[in-house]
Amino acid sequence: MGGVSERRLSQTLKALERDGVVDRKLVRSIPSHVEYSLTPTGEVVVDSLGELLSTIIEFSPRFAAARPRYDEKQTQAQENPER
């Protein structure tokens, strides 16, 4: 997996397994390997994250439009500090 070290991936998968988000299954074959699958809880989490991502994408133009307004307020506050 590009960009993620084996150690970090292993730590993350163990944490997700501990939290009940994924199930781990050792497949005894030659060579043996491990398969991960979502638990019912994991499926709910993934669905919820998908909804959150959709909302973020939907509102991203509003976020972008808010930034210049905020920056302008900050500039004005620095130029005219209230005492």
Protein backbone atom coordinates (compact mmCIF):
# COMPACT_ATOMS: atom_id res chain seq x y z
CA MET A 1 0.00 0.00 0.00
CA GLY A 2 1.64 3.22 -1.15
CA GLY A 3 2.34 6.01 1.33
CA VAL A 4 1.69 3.92 4.46
CA SER A 5 4.37 1.94 6.22
CA GLU A 6 3.70 -1.73 6.98
CA ARG A 7 4.08 -0.99 10.69
CA ARG A 8 1.56 1.86 10.66
CA LEU A 9 -0.93 -0.18 8.63
CA SER A 10 -0.59 -3.07 11.08
CA GLN A 11 -1.12 -0.76 14.08
CA THR A 12 -4.19 0.81 12.48
CA LEU A 13 -5.75 -2.54 11.57
CA LYS A 14 -5.16 -3.85 15.10
CA ALA A 15 -6.82 -0.75 16.54
CA LEU A 16 -9.79 -1.11 14.18
CA GLU A 17 -10.09 -4.79 15.11
CA ARG A 18 -9.93 -3.93 18.81
CA ASP A 19 -12.66 -1.32 18.34
CA GLY A 20 -14.89 -3.83 16.54
CA VAL A 21 -14.74 -2.09 13.18
CA VAL A 22 -13.02 -4.91 11.28
CA ASP A 23 -12.71 -8.66 11.62
CA ARG A 24 -9.38 -10.36 11.00
CA LYS A 25 -9.20 -13.84 9.50
CA LEU A 26 -5.99 -15.84 9.09
CA VAL A 27 -6.18 -17.85 5.88
CA ARG A 28 -4.04 -20.95 6.17
CA SER A 29 -2.76 -21.51 2.69
CA ILE A 30 0.59 -21.46 0.98
CA PRO A 31 1.57 -18.78 1.58
CA SER A 32 -0.74 -17.96 4.47
CA HIS A 33 -2.27 -14.50 4.53
CA VAL A 34 -4.70 -12.37 6.49
CA GLU A 35 -8.04 -11.05 5.27
CA TYR A 36 -9.94 -8.19 6.84
CA SER A 37 -13.63 -7.46 6.52
CA LEU A 38 -15.97 -4.87 7.96
CA THR A 39 -18.12 -5.81 10.91
CA PRO A 40 -21.72 -4.57 11.06
CA THR A 41 -20.40 -1.69 13.18
CA GLY A 42 -17.74 -0.99 10.56
CA GLU A 43 -20.38 -0.86 7.85
CA VAL A 44 -22.33 1.76 9.82
CA VAL A 45 -19.16 3.77 10.34
CA VAL A 46 -18.28 3.65 6.63
CA ASP A 47 -21.82 4.69 5.66
CA SER A 48 -21.70 7.58 8.14
CA LEU A 49 -18.31 8.72 6.87
CA GLY A 50 -19.65 8.60 3.32
CA GLU A 51 -22.53 10.87 4.32
CA LEU A 52 -20.13 13.23 6.07
CA LEU A 53 -17.88 13.36 3.02
CA SER A 54 -20.87 14.11 0.78
CA THR A 55 -21.90 16.95 3.09
CA ILE A 56 -18.38 18.38 3.12
CA ILE A 57 -18.25 18.28 -0.68
CA GLU A 58 -21.69 19.88 -0.93
CA PHE A 59 -20.73 22.70 1.45
CA SER A 60 -17.16 23.24 0.19
CA PRO A 61 -18.13 26.29 -1.91
CA ARG A 62 -19.57 27.88 1.24
CA PHE A 63 -16.38 27.10 3.17
CA ALA A 64 -14.30 28.65 0.41
CA ALA A 65 -16.53 31.75 0.33
CA ALA A 66 -16.31 32.17 4.10
CA ARG A 67 -12.51 32.25 4.20
CA PRO A 68 -12.00 35.67 2.55
CA ARG A 69 -14.64 37.20 4.83
CA TYR A 70 -12.88 35.78 7.88
CA ASP A 71 -9.47 36.92 6.61
CA GLU A 72 -10.81 40.44 6.04
CA LYS A 73 -12.21 40.57 9.60
CA GLN A 74 -8.87 39.41 10.98
CA THR A 75 -6.98 42.03 8.96
CA GLN A 76 -9.34 44.77 10.16
CA ALA A 77 -9.01 43.63 13.76
CA GLN A 78 -5.22 43.76 13.53
CA GLU A 79 -5.26 47.19 11.92
CA ASN A 80 -7.81 48.62 14.40
CA PRO A 81 -7.42 46.74 17.69
CA GLU A 82 -10.14 47.53 20.21
CA ARG A 83 -8.93 48.56 23.60
